[in-house]
Amino acid sequence: MKVLVDFFPILLFFIAYKIYGIYTATAVAIIASVLQVGYFWFKNKKVENMHLITLAIIVVFGGATLILEDELFIKWKPTVVNWLFAAVFLGSQFIGKKNIVQRMMGAVITLPPVIWVKLNYAWVLFFIASGVANLYVMYNFDTDTWVNFKLFGMMGLTFAFIILQGIFLMRYIKPEQAKEGDS
């Protein structure tokens, strides 16, 4: 259910774009993001920082797109979000005893400290590369292609990266960890 709610604004943006165009899609994405944050607040009485950051960025960049009638602002949003995540992941390497990847995954898998560092840096590089890929598509292709890339390309890149991460981690998972994860 959480994945569907996380995916909700992107999916509605895509559908609205295909039917009404970029400006309506931008307004729909802003509204959907507000509803998403409201849903999480209503359900959990708290909201993840990621959702608040994404909401702020969509309101600023989406608002600029609508007010200035320039689609370039909304096209920059994925790059800004990805690069912000890269900065957070990189900063987490130097703040506290555990980086952000270890904080998120440390309860389900035990890894040597050097592997947590490598994994965190891999996510930093992934987020930087995703931001660059978005810029490449937005400046070299039409808006239709960018919208399709935003939904399918970025999602495909993320799934491919997660699968590669899983393959990398397989050599570090001990049989007793695999059994614990199954229960």
N, C-alpha and C. Protein backbone atom coordinates (compact mmCIF):
# COMPACT_ATOMS: atom_id res chain seq x y z
N MET A 1 0.83 -1.21 0.00
CA MET A 1 0.00 0.00 0.00
C MET A 1 0.87 1.26 0.00
N LYS A 2 1.97 1.25 0.80
CA LYS A 2 2.83 2.42 0.89
C LYS A 2 3.44 2.75 -0.48
N VAL A 3 3.84 1.72 -1.21
CA VAL A 3 4.43 1.94 -2.54
C VAL A 3 3.42 2.63 -3.45
N LEU A 4 2.15 2.20 -3.38
CA LEU A 4 1.12 2.81 -4.20
C LEU A 4 0.92 4.28 -3.83
N VAL A 5 0.91 4.57 -2.54
CA VAL A 5 0.73 5.96 -2.09
C VAL A 5 1.96 6.79 -2.49
N ASP A 6 3.16 6.21 -2.38
CA ASP A 6 4.38 6.92 -2.79
C ASP A 6 4.36 7.22 -4.30
N PHE A 7 3.81 6.30 -5.06
CA PHE A 7 3.79 6.38 -6.52
C PHE A 7 2.65 7.26 -7.05
N PHE A 8 1.66 7.52 -6.20
CA PHE A 8 0.43 8.22 -6.54
C PHE A 8 0.65 9.55 -7.29
N PRO A 9 1.46 10.49 -6.78
CA PRO A 9 1.62 11.76 -7.51
C PRO A 9 2.25 11.60 -8.90
N ILE A 10 3.21 10.70 -9.02
CA ILE A 10 3.88 10.49 -10.31
C ILE A 10 2.89 9.91 -11.32
N LEU A 11 2.11 8.94 -10.89
CA LEU A 11 1.13 8.32 -11.77
C LEU A 11 0.06 9.33 -12.22
N LEU A 12 -0.44 10.12 -11.28
CA LEU A 12 -1.44 11.12 -11.64
C LEU A 12 -0.86 12.20 -12.56
N PHE A 13 0.40 12.58 -12.32
CA PHE A 13 1.08 13.53 -13.21
C PHE A 13 1.10 12.97 -14.63
N PHE A 14 1.50 11.71 -14.76
CA PHE A 14 1.60 11.06 -16.07
C PHE A 14 0.24 11.03 -16.77
N ILE A 15 -0.79 10.59 -16.06
CA ILE A 15 -2.13 10.51 -16.66
C ILE A 15 -2.64 11.90 -17.05
N ALA A 16 -2.50 12.86 -16.16
CA ALA A 16 -2.96 14.22 -16.46
C ALA A 16 -2.20 14.81 -17.64
N TYR A 17 -0.91 14.53 -17.73
CA TYR A 17 -0.13 15.05 -18.86
C TYR A 17 -0.65 14.47 -20.17
N LYS A 18 -0.90 13.17 -20.20
CA LYS A 18 -1.34 12.51 -21.43
C LYS A 18 -2.71 13.04 -21.88
N ILE A 19 -3.53 13.45 -20.94
CA ILE A 19 -4.88 13.92 -21.28
C ILE A 19 -4.93 15.44 -21.48
N TYR A 20 -4.29 16.20 -20.58
CA TYR A 20 -4.47 17.66 -20.56
C TYR A 20 -3.21 18.48 -20.82
N GLY A 21 -2.03 17.90 -20.73
CA GLY A 21 -0.81 18.66 -20.97
C GLY A 21 -0.02 18.94 -19.69
N ILE A 22 1.10 19.59 -19.87
CA ILE A 22 2.09 19.76 -18.81
C ILE A 22 1.61 20.65 -17.66
N TYR A 23 0.87 21.71 -17.95
CA TYR A 23 0.48 22.63 -16.89
C TYR A 23 -0.59 22.02 -15.98
N THR A 24 -1.57 21.36 -16.57
CA THR A 24 -2.56 20.66 -15.75
C THR A 24 -1.89 19.54 -14.96
N ALA A 25 -1.00 18.81 -15.61
CA ALA A 25 -0.29 17.73 -14.93
C ALA A 25 0.52 18.26 -13.75
N THR A 26 1.11 19.41 -13.91
CA THR A 26 1.88 20.02 -12.82
C THR A 26 0.97 20.37 -11.66
N ALA A 27 -0.19 20.98 -11.95
CA ALA A 27 -1.15 21.30 -10.89
C ALA A 27 -1.64 20.03 -10.20
N VAL A 28 -1.90 19.00 -10.98
CA VAL A 28 -2.34 17.71 -10.42
C VAL A 28 -1.26 17.12 -9.51
N ALA A 29 0.00 17.22 -9.94
CA ALA A 29 1.10 16.69 -9.12
C ALA A 29 1.22 17.44 -7.79
N ILE A 30 1.04 18.73 -7.83
CA ILE A 30 1.09 19.52 -6.59
C ILE A 30 -0.04 19.09 -5.65
N ILE A 31 -1.24 19.02 -6.19
CA ILE A 31 -2.40 18.62 -5.37
C ILE A 31 -2.23 17.20 -4.84
N ALA A 32 -1.78 16.29 -5.71
CA ALA A 32 -1.58 14.89 -5.30
C ALA A 32 -0.52 14.79 -4.20
N SER A 33 0.52 15.60 -4.29
CA SER A 33 1.57 15.58 -3.26
C SER A 33 1.05 16.10 -1.93
N VAL A 34 0.22 17.14 -1.98
CA VAL A 34 -0.41 17.65 -0.75
C VAL A 34 -1.31 16.57 -0.15
N LEU A 35 -2.11 15.90 -0.99
CA LEU A 35 -2.97 14.83 -0.50
C LEU A 35 -2.16 13.66 0.06
N GLN A 36 -1.04 13.35 -0.58
CA GLN A 36 -0.17 12.27 -0.12
C GLN A 36 0.35 12.57 1.29
N VAL A 37 0.86 13.77 1.49
CA VAL A 37 1.37 14.16 2.80
C VAL A 37 0.23 14.19 3.82
N GLY A 38 -0.93 14.70 3.42
CA GLY A 38 -2.09 14.71 4.30
C GLY A 38 -2.51 13.30 4.70
N TYR A 39 -2.49 12.38 3.75
CA TYR A 39 -2.84 10.99 4.03
C TYR A 39 -1.89 10.39 5.07
N PHE A 40 -0.60 10.59 4.86
CA PHE A 40 0.37 10.04 5.81
C PHE A 40 0.22 10.68 7.19
N TRP A 41 -0.08 11.96 7.23
CA TRP A 41 -0.27 12.63 8.52
C TRP A 41 -1.52 12.08 9.21
N PHE A 42 -2.60 11.95 8.46
CA PHE A 42 -3.85 11.45 9.03
C PHE A 42 -3.68 10.01 9.53
N LYS A 43 -3.00 9.19 8.74
CA LYS A 43 -2.85 7.78 9.06
C LYS A 43 -1.84 7.54 10.19
N ASN A 44 -0.70 8.24 10.19
CA ASN A 44 0.40 7.94 11.12
C ASN A 44 0.67 9.04 12.14
N LYS A 45 0.03 10.18 11.98
CA LYS A 45 0.30 11.36 12.83
C LYS A 45 1.76 11.81 12.72
N LYS A 46 2.39 11.43 11.61
CA LYS A 46 3.73 11.91 11.28
C LYS A 46 3.92 11.75 9.77
N VAL A 47 4.89 12.46 9.25
CA VAL A 47 5.18 12.42 7.82
C VAL A 47 6.68 12.22 7.66
N GLU A 48 7.04 11.37 6.70
CA GLU A 48 8.46 11.13 6.43
C GLU A 48 9.09 12.40 5.86
N ASN A 49 10.34 12.62 6.24
CA ASN A 49 11.07 13.79 5.73
C ASN A 49 11.10 13.81 4.21
N MET A 50 11.26 12.62 3.60
CA MET A 50 11.31 12.54 2.14
C MET A 50 10.05 13.13 1.51
N HIS A 51 8.90 12.83 2.11
CA HIS A 51 7.64 13.35 1.55
C HIS A 51 7.55 14.87 1.72
N LEU A 52 8.00 15.37 2.87
CA LEU A 52 7.97 16.83 3.08
C LEU A 52 8.92 17.55 2.13
N ILE A 53 10.10 17.00 1.94
CA ILE A 53 11.08 17.61 1.03
C ILE A 53 10.53 17.59 -0.40
N THR A 54 10.01 16.44 -0.81
CA THR A 54 9.46 16.33 -2.16
C THR A 54 8.28 17.28 -2.34
N LEU A 55 7.43 17.39 -1.32
CA LEU A 55 6.30 18.34 -1.39
C LEU A 55 6.81 19.76 -1.56
N ALA A 56 7.77 20.16 -0.76
CA ALA A 56 8.31 21.52 -0.86
C ALA A 56 8.87 21.78 -2.26
N ILE A 57 9.60 20.81 -2.80
CA ILE A 57 10.22 20.99 -4.11
C ILE A 57 9.15 21.04 -5.21
N ILE A 58 8.13 20.19 -5.12
CA ILE A 58 7.08 20.21 -6.14
C ILE A 58 6.28 21.51 -6.07
N VAL A 59 6.06 22.01 -4.86
CA VAL A 59 5.33 23.28 -4.73
C VAL A 59 6.15 24.42 -5.32
N VAL A 60 7.45 24.47 -5.02
CA VAL A 60 8.30 25.55 -5.53
C VAL A 60 8.48 25.44 -7.05
N PHE A 61 8.92 24.27 -7.52
CA PHE A 61 9.20 24.14 -8.96
C PHE A 61 7.91 24.05 -9.77
N GLY A 62 6.90 23.35 -9.24
CA GLY A 62 5.61 23.30 -9.92
C GLY A 62 4.93 24.66 -9.93
N GLY A 63 5.02 25.36 -8.79
CA GLY A 63 4.46 26.71 -8.72
C GLY A 63 5.12 27.65 -9.71
N ALA A 64 6.44 27.57 -9.81
CA ALA A 64 7.17 28.40 -10.78
C ALA A 64 6.74 28.06 -12.21
N THR A 65 6.54 26.76 -12.48
CA THR A 65 6.08 26.34 -13.80
C THR A 65 4.74 26.97 -14.13
N LEU A 66 3.82 26.93 -13.18
CA LEU A 66 2.47 27.46 -13.42
C LEU A 66 2.45 28.98 -13.49
N ILE A 67 3.14 29.62 -12.57
CA ILE A 67 3.13 31.09 -12.52
C ILE A 67 3.85 31.70 -13.73
N LEU A 68 5.00 31.13 -14.06
CA LEU A 68 5.80 31.68 -15.18
C LEU A 68 5.47 31.03 -16.52
N GLU A 69 4.58 30.04 -16.49
CA GLU A 69 4.22 29.29 -17.70
C GLU A 69 5.45 28.81 -18.45
N ASP A 70 6.33 28.17 -17.70
CA ASP A 70 7.59 27.64 -18.25
C ASP A 70 7.80 26.23 -17.71
N GLU A 71 7.65 25.24 -18.58
CA GLU A 71 7.74 23.84 -18.16
C GLU A 71 9.14 23.43 -17.72
N LEU A 72 10.12 24.23 -17.99
CA LEU A 72 11.49 23.90 -17.60
C LEU A 72 11.63 23.71 -16.09
N PHE A 73 10.88 24.46 -15.31
CA PHE A 73 10.99 24.35 -13.85
C PHE A 73 10.57 22.97 -13.36
N ILE A 74 9.43 22.46 -13.85
CA ILE A 74 8.96 21.15 -13.40
C ILE A 74 9.91 20.06 -13.89
N LYS A 75 10.52 20.28 -15.03
CA LYS A 75 11.47 19.29 -15.55
C LYS A 75 12.74 19.22 -14.69
N TRP A 76 13.07 20.30 -14.02
CA TRP A 76 14.24 20.32 -13.13
C TRP A 76 13.97 19.59 -11.82
N LYS A 77 12.71 19.44 -11.44
CA LYS A 77 12.37 18.86 -10.14
C LYS A 77 13.03 17.51 -9.88
N PRO A 78 12.96 16.52 -10.80
CA PRO A 78 13.61 15.23 -10.51
C PRO A 78 15.11 15.35 -10.26
N THR A 79 15.76 16.23 -11.00
CA THR A 79 17.20 16.42 -10.79
C THR A 79 17.47 17.01 -9.42
N VAL A 80 16.71 18.01 -9.05
CA VAL A 80 16.90 18.65 -7.73
C VAL A 80 16.66 17.63 -6.62
N VAL A 81 15.58 16.85 -6.72
CA VAL A 81 15.28 15.84 -5.70
C VAL A 81 16.41 14.81 -5.62
N ASN A 82 16.83 14.30 -6.77
CA ASN A 82 17.91 13.30 -6.77
C ASN A 82 19.21 13.85 -6.20
N TRP A 83 19.56 15.05 -6.58
CA TRP A 83 20.81 15.63 -6.08
C TRP A 83 20.72 15.98 -4.60
N LEU A 84 19.54 16.33 -4.15
CA LEU A 84 19.34 16.57 -2.72
C LEU A 84 19.52 15.27 -1.94
N PHE A 85 18.93 14.19 -2.46
CA PHE A 85 19.12 12.89 -1.82
C PHE A 85 20.59 12.49 -1.83
N ALA A 86 21.28 12.74 -2.93
CA ALA A 86 22.71 12.43 -2.99
C ALA A 86 23.46 13.19 -1.90
N ALA A 87 23.12 14.46 -1.71
CA ALA A 87 23.78 15.26 -0.67
C ALA A 87 23.48 14.72 0.73
N VAL A 88 22.22 14.31 0.96
CA VAL A 88 21.83 13.76 2.27
C VAL A 88 22.58 12.45 2.53
N PHE A 89 22.60 11.57 1.53
CA PHE A 89 23.31 10.30 1.70
C PHE A 89 24.80 10.54 1.92
N LEU A 90 25.38 11.46 1.17
CA LEU A 90 26.80 11.77 1.35
C LEU A 90 27.05 12.36 2.73
N GLY A 91 26.22 13.31 3.14
CA GLY A 91 26.38 13.92 4.45
C GLY A 91 26.22 12.92 5.58
N SER A 92 25.35 11.93 5.38
CA SER A 92 25.13 10.93 6.43
C SER A 92 26.39 10.10 6.69
N GLN A 93 27.27 10.10 5.73
CA GLN A 93 28.52 9.36 5.88
C GLN A 93 29.38 9.98 6.98
N PHE A 94 29.18 11.25 7.24
CA PHE A 94 30.03 11.98 8.18
C PHE A 94 29.30 12.40 9.45
N ILE A 95 28.00 12.09 9.54
CA ILE A 95 27.22 12.49 10.71
C ILE A 95 26.72 11.23 11.41
N GLY A 96 27.02 11.09 12.65
CA GLY A 96 26.57 9.93 13.42
C GLY A 96 27.46 8.72 13.19
N LYS A 97 27.07 7.63 13.82
CA LYS A 97 27.87 6.40 13.73
C LYS A 97 27.48 5.53 12.55
N LYS A 98 26.28 5.75 11.99
CA LYS A 98 25.80 4.95 10.87
C LYS A 98 25.38 5.87 9.73
N ASN A 99 25.73 5.48 8.50
CA ASN A 99 25.23 6.25 7.36
C ASN A 99 23.76 5.93 7.14
N ILE A 100 23.12 6.65 6.25
CA ILE A 100 21.67 6.53 6.06
C ILE A 100 21.26 5.14 5.56
N VAL A 101 22.07 4.53 4.71
CA VAL A 101 21.73 3.19 4.22
C VAL A 101 21.75 2.20 5.37
N GLN A 102 22.75 2.30 6.23
CA GLN A 102 22.82 1.40 7.37
C GLN A 102 21.65 1.64 8.34
N ARG A 103 21.26 2.89 8.51
CA ARG A 103 20.10 3.19 9.37
C ARG A 103 18.82 2.59 8.80
N MET A 104 18.69 2.59 7.47
CA MET A 104 17.48 2.06 6.84
C MET A 104 17.48 0.54 6.77
N MET A 105 18.64 -0.06 6.55
CA MET A 105 18.70 -1.50 6.30
C MET A 105 19.37 -2.30 7.42
N GLY A 106 19.97 -1.61 8.37
CA GLY A 106 20.75 -2.30 9.40
C GLY A 106 19.97 -3.25 10.27
N ALA A 107 18.66 -3.07 10.38
CA ALA A 107 17.85 -3.96 11.20
C ALA A 107 17.58 -5.30 10.52
N VAL A 108 17.75 -5.35 9.20
CA VAL A 108 17.43 -6.58 8.47
C VAL A 108 18.65 -7.30 7.91
N ILE A 109 19.78 -6.64 7.90
CA ILE A 109 20.99 -7.26 7.35
C ILE A 109 22.21 -6.76 8.11
N THR A 110 23.14 -7.66 8.34
CA THR A 110 24.39 -7.31 9.01
C THR A 110 25.50 -7.32 7.96
N LEU A 111 26.22 -6.22 7.88
CA LEU A 111 27.31 -6.09 6.90
C LEU A 111 28.54 -5.54 7.59
N PRO A 112 29.71 -5.83 7.03
CA PRO A 112 30.92 -5.19 7.55
C PRO A 112 30.84 -3.67 7.33
N PRO A 113 31.44 -2.88 8.22
CA PRO A 113 31.37 -1.41 8.09
C PRO A 113 31.79 -0.89 6.72
N VAL A 114 32.82 -1.48 6.12
CA VAL A 114 33.30 -0.99 4.82
C VAL A 114 32.24 -1.20 3.73
N ILE A 115 31.42 -2.22 3.87
CA ILE A 115 30.37 -2.48 2.87
C ILE A 115 29.23 -1.47 3.02
N TRP A 116 28.91 -1.10 4.26
CA TRP A 116 27.91 -0.05 4.45
C TRP A 116 28.38 1.25 3.78
N VAL A 117 29.66 1.55 3.91
CA VAL A 117 30.21 2.76 3.28
C VAL A 117 30.10 2.66 1.76
N LYS A 118 30.48 1.51 1.20
CA LYS A 118 30.40 1.33 -0.26
C LYS A 118 28.96 1.43 -0.75
N LEU A 119 28.06 0.83 0.00
CA LEU A 119 26.65 0.86 -0.38
C LEU A 119 26.11 2.29 -0.34
N ASN A 120 26.47 3.03 0.67
CA ASN A 120 26.02 4.42 0.78
C ASN A 120 26.57 5.25 -0.38
N TYR A 121 27.85 5.08 -0.69
CA TYR A 121 28.44 5.81 -1.82
C TYR A 121 27.81 5.39 -3.15
N ALA A 122 27.43 4.13 -3.26
CA ALA A 122 26.76 3.67 -4.48
C ALA A 122 25.43 4.41 -4.67
N TRP A 123 24.70 4.62 -3.56
CA TRP A 123 23.45 5.37 -3.65
C TRP A 123 23.72 6.83 -4.00
N VAL A 124 24.76 7.40 -3.45
CA VAL A 124 25.13 8.78 -3.80
C VAL A 124 25.36 8.88 -5.30
N LEU A 125 26.15 7.97 -5.84
CA LEU A 125 26.44 7.98 -7.28
C LEU A 125 25.18 7.73 -8.10
N PHE A 126 24.32 6.84 -7.62
CA PHE A 126 23.07 6.58 -8.33
C PHE A 126 22.20 7.84 -8.41
N PHE A 127 22.06 8.53 -7.29
CA PHE A 127 21.25 9.75 -7.29
C PHE A 127 21.86 10.83 -8.18
N ILE A 128 23.16 10.97 -8.16
CA ILE A 128 23.81 11.95 -9.04
C ILE A 128 23.57 11.57 -10.51
N ALA A 129 23.78 10.30 -10.83
CA ALA A 129 23.58 9.83 -12.21
C ALA A 129 22.13 9.99 -12.66
N SER A 130 21.19 9.73 -11.76
CA SER A 130 19.77 9.90 -12.11
C SER A 130 19.45 11.36 -12.42
N GLY A 131 20.02 12.26 -11.64
CA GLY A 131 19.84 13.69 -11.90
C GLY A 131 20.42 14.10 -13.24
N VAL A 132 21.59 13.58 -13.55
CA VAL A 132 22.23 13.87 -14.83
C VAL A 132 21.40 13.29 -15.98
N ALA A 133 20.90 12.07 -15.81
CA ALA A 133 20.08 11.44 -16.86
C ALA A 133 18.83 12.27 -17.12
N ASN A 134 18.21 12.78 -16.06
CA ASN A 134 17.04 13.64 -16.23
C ASN A 134 17.40 14.88 -17.03
N LEU A 135 18.52 15.52 -16.70
CA LEU A 135 18.94 16.71 -17.44
C LEU A 135 19.18 16.39 -18.91
N TYR A 136 19.82 15.26 -19.17
CA TYR A 136 20.10 14.87 -20.55
C TYR A 136 18.80 14.72 -21.34
N VAL A 137 17.84 14.01 -20.76
CA VAL A 137 16.57 13.80 -21.47
C VAL A 137 15.81 15.10 -21.63
N MET A 138 15.76 15.93 -20.58
CA MET A 138 14.96 17.16 -20.68
C MET A 138 15.53 18.15 -21.68
N TYR A 139 16.86 18.16 -21.86
CA TYR A 139 17.46 19.12 -22.79
C TYR A 139 17.65 18.57 -24.20
N ASN A 140 17.50 17.27 -24.39
CA ASN A 140 17.75 16.69 -25.70
C ASN A 140 16.53 16.05 -26.36
N PHE A 141 15.41 16.01 -25.65
CA PHE A 141 14.21 15.39 -26.19
C PHE A 141 13.00 16.27 -25.91
N ASP A 142 11.89 15.94 -26.55
CA ASP A 142 10.67 16.72 -26.35
C ASP A 142 10.02 16.37 -25.00
N THR A 143 8.99 17.12 -24.64
CA THR A 143 8.33 16.95 -23.34
C THR A 143 7.68 15.57 -23.23
N ASP A 144 7.08 15.07 -24.30
CA ASP A 144 6.50 13.72 -24.26
C ASP A 144 7.53 12.68 -23.85
N THR A 145 8.68 12.75 -24.47
CA THR A 145 9.75 11.79 -24.15
C THR A 145 10.19 11.97 -22.71
N TRP A 146 10.31 13.22 -22.26
CA TRP A 146 10.74 13.46 -20.88
C TRP A 146 9.72 12.88 -19.89
N VAL A 147 8.42 13.09 -20.14
CA VAL A 147 7.39 12.57 -19.24
C VAL A 147 7.46 11.04 -19.19
N ASN A 148 7.61 10.40 -20.34
CA ASN A 148 7.74 8.94 -20.37
C ASN A 148 8.99 8.49 -19.62
N PHE A 149 10.09 9.20 -19.81
CA PHE A 149 11.33 8.87 -19.11
C PHE A 149 11.17 9.05 -17.60
N LYS A 150 10.51 10.13 -17.22
CA LYS A 150 10.30 10.42 -15.79
C LYS A 150 9.58 9.26 -15.11
N LEU A 151 8.57 8.70 -15.77
CA LEU A 151 7.82 7.60 -15.18
C LEU A 151 8.54 6.26 -15.38
N PHE A 152 8.77 5.90 -16.62
CA PHE A 152 9.28 4.56 -16.92
C PHE A 152 10.80 4.46 -16.83
N GLY A 153 11.49 5.46 -17.34
CA GLY A 153 12.96 5.42 -17.33
C GLY A 153 13.54 5.51 -15.93
N MET A 154 13.07 6.49 -15.16
CA MET A 154 13.59 6.65 -13.80
C MET A 154 13.22 5.45 -12.92
N MET A 155 12.00 4.94 -13.10
CA MET A 155 11.60 3.77 -12.33
C MET A 155 12.44 2.56 -12.75
N GLY A 156 12.65 2.41 -14.04
CA GLY A 156 13.47 1.30 -14.53
C GLY A 156 14.90 1.37 -14.01
N LEU A 157 15.47 2.59 -14.03
CA LEU A 157 16.82 2.76 -13.49
C LEU A 157 16.88 2.40 -12.01
N THR A 158 15.86 2.82 -11.27
CA THR A 158 15.82 2.53 -9.83
C THR A 158 15.70 1.03 -9.58
N PHE A 159 14.79 0.35 -10.28
CA PHE A 159 14.66 -1.09 -10.11
C PHE A 159 15.93 -1.82 -10.49
N ALA A 160 16.56 -1.41 -11.59
CA ALA A 160 17.82 -2.05 -12.01
C ALA A 160 18.90 -1.85 -10.94
N PHE A 161 18.97 -0.66 -10.39
CA PHE A 161 19.97 -0.39 -9.35
C PHE A 161 19.70 -1.24 -8.11
N ILE A 162 18.45 -1.36 -7.71
CA ILE A 162 18.10 -2.16 -6.53
C ILE A 162 18.43 -3.64 -6.77
N ILE A 163 18.17 -4.13 -7.97
CA ILE A 163 18.50 -5.52 -8.29
C ILE A 163 20.02 -5.72 -8.24
N LEU A 164 20.77 -4.80 -8.83
CA LEU A 164 22.24 -4.89 -8.76
C LEU A 164 22.74 -4.82 -7.32
N GLN A 165 22.11 -3.97 -6.52
CA GLN A 165 22.46 -3.88 -5.11
C GLN A 165 22.20 -5.21 -4.41
N GLY A 166 21.08 -5.84 -4.71
CA GLY A 166 20.75 -7.15 -4.13
C GLY A 166 21.76 -8.21 -4.52
N ILE A 167 22.15 -8.21 -5.78
CA ILE A 167 23.17 -9.17 -6.24
C ILE A 167 24.48 -8.92 -5.50
N PHE A 168 24.88 -7.66 -5.36
CA PHE A 168 26.09 -7.31 -4.62
C PHE A 168 26.01 -7.79 -3.17
N LEU A 169 24.85 -7.62 -2.55
CA LEU A 169 24.70 -7.97 -1.13
C LEU A 169 24.60 -9.47 -0.89
N MET A 170 24.24 -10.24 -1.89
CA MET A 170 24.08 -11.69 -1.72
C MET A 170 25.32 -12.35 -1.13
N ARG A 171 26.48 -11.91 -1.51
CA ARG A 171 27.69 -12.55 -1.00
C ARG A 171 27.94 -12.27 0.48
N TYR A 172 27.24 -11.29 1.03
CA TYR A 172 27.43 -10.94 2.44
C TYR A 172 26.32 -11.48 3.34
N ILE A 173 25.28 -12.04 2.74
CA ILE A 173 24.18 -12.57 3.55
C ILE A 173 24.52 -14.00 3.95
N LYS A 174 24.55 -14.21 5.26
CA LYS A 174 24.83 -15.55 5.80
C LYS A 174 23.53 -16.34 5.82
N PRO A 175 23.61 -17.66 5.72
CA PRO A 175 22.38 -18.48 5.71
C PRO A 175 21.43 -18.20 6.86
N GLU A 176 21.94 -17.93 8.06
CA GLU A 176 21.04 -17.66 9.19
C GLU A 176 20.31 -16.33 9.01
N GLN A 177 20.94 -15.35 8.32
CA GLN A 177 20.26 -14.08 8.06
C GLN A 177 19.12 -14.30 7.07
N ALA A 178 19.36 -15.12 6.06
CA ALA A 178 18.32 -15.38 5.06
C ALA A 178 17.11 -16.03 5.71
N LYS A 179 17.33 -16.98 6.65
CA LYS A 179 16.23 -17.64 7.34
C LYS A 179 15.46 -16.66 8.22
N GLU A 180 16.18 -15.76 8.90
CA GLU A 180 15.53 -14.76 9.76
C GLU A 180 14.66 -13.83 8.92
N GLY A 181 15.12 -13.49 7.74
CA GLY A 181 14.36 -12.60 6.86
C GLY A 181 13.10 -13.23 6.32
N ASP A 182 13.06 -14.58 6.25
CA ASP A 182 11.90 -15.29 5.73
C ASP A 182 10.74 -15.32 6.72
N SER A 183 11.03 -15.20 8.01
CA SER A 183 9.96 -15.31 9.00
C SER A 183 9.21 -14.04 9.22
